[in-house]
C-alpha atoms as a PDB file:
ATOM      1  CA  MET A   1      -5.672  17.180   0.402  1.00  0.00           C
ATOM      2  CA  PRO A   2      -2.315  16.177   1.778  1.00  0.00           C
ATOM      3  CA  ARG A   3       0.522  18.282   0.613  1.00  0.00           C
ATOM      4  CA  ARG A   4       3.676  16.921  -0.843  1.00  0.00           C
ATOM      5  CA  VAL A   5       7.060  16.910   0.995  1.00  0.00           C
ATOM      6  CA  LYS A   6      10.672  16.622  -0.260  1.00  0.00           C
ATOM      7  CA  ASP A   7      12.438  13.413   0.719  1.00  0.00           C
ATOM      8  CA  PHE A   8      16.057  12.471   0.194  1.00  0.00           C
ATOM      9  CA  ILE A   9      18.012   9.251  -0.651  1.00  0.00           C
ATOM     10  CA  GLU A  10      21.821   9.310  -0.284  1.00  0.00           C
ATOM     11  CA  ILE A  11      24.289   7.013  -1.907  1.00  0.00           C
ATOM     12  CA  SER A  12      27.781   6.945  -0.592  1.00  0.00           C
ATOM     13  CA  ASP A  13      30.833   7.215  -2.934  1.00  0.00           C
ATOM     14  CA  TYR A  14      32.105   3.734  -1.919  1.00  0.00           C
ATOM     15  CA  THR A  15      30.084   1.642  -4.325  1.00  0.00           C
ATOM     16  CA  SER A  16      30.799  -0.171  -7.562  1.00  0.00           C
ATOM     17  CA  LEU A  17      29.423   1.127 -10.852  1.00  0.00           C
ATOM     18  CA  GLU A  18      27.278  -1.985 -11.309  1.00  0.00           C
ATOM     19  CA  ASP A  19      25.757  -1.600  -7.813  1.00  0.00           C
ATOM     20  CA  LEU A  20      25.182   2.079  -8.396  1.00  0.00           C
ATOM     21  CA  ILE A  21      23.374   1.408 -11.739  1.00  0.00           C
ATOM     22  CA  ARG A  22      21.264  -1.273 -10.063  1.00  0.00           C
ATOM     23  CA  TYR A  23      20.493   0.934  -7.117  1.00  0.00           C
ATOM     24  CA  LEU A  24      19.477   3.891  -9.308  1.00  0.00           C
ATOM     25  CA  LYS A  25      17.159   1.572 -11.390  1.00  0.00           C
ATOM     26  CA  THR A  26      15.468   0.333  -8.339  1.00  0.00           C
ATOM     27  CA  ILE A  27      14.989   3.880  -7.014  1.00  0.00           C
ATOM     28  CA  ARG A  28      13.631   5.105 -10.329  1.00  0.00           C
ATOM     29  CA  ASP A  29      11.190   2.149 -10.586  1.00  0.00           C
ATOM     30  CA  ASN A  30       9.843   2.804  -6.977  1.00  0.00           C
ATOM     31  CA  LEU A  31       9.446   6.519  -7.071  1.00  0.00           C
ATOM     32  CA  PRO A  32       5.862   7.956  -6.594  1.00  0.00           C
ATOM     33  CA  PRO A  33       4.081   9.508  -9.691  1.00  0.00           C
ATOM     34  CA  GLU A  34       5.026  13.039 -10.375  1.00  0.00           C
ATOM     35  CA  HIS A  35       8.081  12.694  -8.265  1.00  0.00           C
ATOM     36  CA  GLU A  36      10.169  15.549  -9.807  1.00  0.00           C
ATOM     37  CA  ALA A  37      13.361  13.694  -8.810  1.00  0.00           C
ATOM     38  CA  GLU A  38      16.763  15.374  -9.005  1.00  0.00           C
ATOM     39  CA  LEU A  39      20.236  13.982  -8.541  1.00  0.00           C
ATOM     40  CA  ASN A  40      23.039  16.094  -6.988  1.00  0.00           C
ATOM     41  CA  ILE A  41      26.542  15.444  -5.731  1.00  0.00           C
ATOM     42  CA  ARG A  42      26.978  16.790  -2.237  1.00  0.00           C
ATOM     43  CA  GLY A  43      29.767  16.927   0.305  1.00  0.00           C
ATOM     44  CA  ASP A  44      33.503  17.720   0.217  1.00  0.00           C
ATOM     45  CA  ASP A  45      36.952  16.164   0.341  1.00  0.00           C
ATOM     46  CA  VAL A  46      36.964  16.124   4.178  1.00  0.00           C
ATOM     47  CA  PHE A  47      33.671  14.368   4.932  1.00  0.00           C
ATOM     48  CA  GLY A  48      33.301  12.582   1.569  1.00  0.00           C
ATOM     49  CA  ARG A  49      30.948  13.114  -1.306  1.00  0.00           C
ATOM     50  CA  ARG A  50      27.467  11.539  -1.762  1.00  0.00           C
ATOM     51  CA  LEU A  51      24.944  11.264  -4.561  1.00  0.00           C
ATOM     52  CA  THR A  52      21.782  12.683  -3.231  1.00  0.00           C
ATOM     53  CA  ILE A  53      18.405  12.042  -4.891  1.00  0.00           C
ATOM     54  CA  SER A  54      15.670  14.398  -3.870  1.00  0.00           C
ATOM     55  CA  TYR A  55      12.032  13.800  -4.830  1.00  0.00           C
ATOM     56  CA  LEU A  56       8.484  14.873  -3.899  1.00  0.00           C
ATOM     57  CA  ARG A  57       5.982  12.466  -2.310  1.00  0.00           C
ATOM     58  CA  ASP A  58       2.737  12.705  -0.517  1.00  0.00           C
ATOM     59  CA  GLN A  59       2.676  12.882   3.142  1.00  0.00           C
ATOM     60  CA  THR A  60       2.117   9.675   5.099  1.00  0.00           C
ATOM     61  CA  PRO A  61      -1.051   9.356   7.219  1.00  0.00           C
ATOM     62  CA  GLU A  62       1.063   9.854  10.273  1.00  0.00           C
ATOM     63  CA  GLU A  63       2.638  13.062   8.836  1.00  0.00           C
ATOM     64  CA  VAL A  64      -0.855  14.336   8.008  1.00  0.00           C
ATOM     65  CA  GLU A  65      -2.069  13.660  11.585  1.00  0.00           C
ATOM     66  CA  LEU A  66       0.922  15.419  13.130  1.00  0.00           C
ATOM     67  CA  GLU A  67       0.611  18.412  10.813  1.00  0.00           C
ATOM     68  CA  ALA A  68      -3.185  18.693  11.648  1.00  0.00           C
ATOM     69  CA  LYS A  69      -2.410  18.405  15.442  1.00  0.00           C
ATOM     70  CA  TYR A  70       0.215  21.084  15.388  1.00  0.00           C
ATOM     71  CA  SER A  71      -0.899  23.513  12.664  1.00  0.00           C
ATOM     72  CA  LYS A  72      -3.255  26.393  13.290  1.00  0.00           C
ATOM     73  CA  ALA A  73      -6.788  25.519  12.025  1.00  0.00           C
ATOM     74  CA  GLY A  74      -9.034  28.022  10.506  1.00  0.00           C
ATOM     75  CA  LYS A  75      -8.552  31.142   8.236  1.00  0.00           C
ATOM     76  CA  ASP A  76      -4.739  31.128   8.442  1.00  0.00           C
ATOM     77  CA  SER A  77      -4.635  27.567   7.079  1.00  0.00           C
ATOM     78  CA  GLU A  78      -7.114  28.444   4.282  1.00  0.00           C
ATOM     79  CA  GLU A  79      -4.975  31.418   3.274  1.00  0.00           C
ATOM     80  CA  ILE A  80      -1.840  29.411   3.253  1.00  0.00           C
ATOM     81  CA  GLU A  81      -3.495  26.703   1.061  1.00  0.00           C
ATOM     82  CA  SER A  82      -4.744  29.443  -1.316  1.00  0.00           C
ATOM     83  CA  LEU A  83      -1.259  30.853  -1.604  1.00  0.00           C
ATOM     84  CA  ARG A  84       0.229  27.345  -2.126  1.00  0.00           C
ATOM     85  CA  ARG A  85      -2.133  26.690  -5.045  1.00  0.00           C
ATOM     86  CA  LYS A  86      -1.238  30.051  -6.615  1.00  0.00           C
ATOM     87  CA  LEU A  87       2.388  29.283  -6.300  1.00  0.00           C
ATOM     88  CA  ASP A  88       1.971  25.867  -7.831  1.00  0.00           C
ATOM     89  CA  GLY A  89       0.728  27.573 -10.903  1.00  0.00           C
ATOM     90  CA  VAL A  90       3.750  29.767 -11.312  1.00  0.00           C
ATOM     91  CA  PRO A  91       6.153  28.474 -14.098  1.00  0.00           C
ATOM     92  CA  TYR A  92       9.523  27.362 -12.772  1.00  0.00           C
ATOM     93  CA  SER A  93      12.741  26.688 -14.703  1.00  0.00           C
ATOM     94  CA  PRO A  94      15.676  25.078 -12.816  1.00  0.00           C
ATOM     95  CA  ASP A  95      18.227  26.986 -14.876  1.00  0.00           C
ATOM     96  CA  GLY A  96      16.925  30.346 -13.445  1.00  0.00           C
ATOM     97  CA  SER A  97      15.829  31.741 -16.827  1.00  0.00           C
ATOM     98  CA  GLY A  98      12.196  32.087 -15.502  1.00  0.00           C
ATOM     99  CA  SER A  99      10.668  30.617 -18.645  1.00  0.00           C
END
C-alpha cells in the first residue's frame, strides 16, 4: 500500500480577496479524499507572508517506484510499516491536549 505524503500549496499576499476566495474554493474542490488540509500563515516582514495550505495525498506511481528503488527491502521495511500502522491508530489533537 502506498503511503501518504504531505504536500504544500502557497498563496502570495499580493492577491485580491475575490481571487483568494475563488482560489481557495478551487483548491478545496480538488483535494484528495481524507486530505486533512490545514491553512497557515508563514513568513515575515522582510521576505513577505504567504498563506500555506498543507494536505496529505497518496504517493504518485513515480514516487512509489523511487521509494522502492532506494528503500531497504526486507525485515526493516516490514517493521517500519508495522510501526507506521500503530502510530496511525494513536489519537492526535492539534491543540496539544492529547485527547
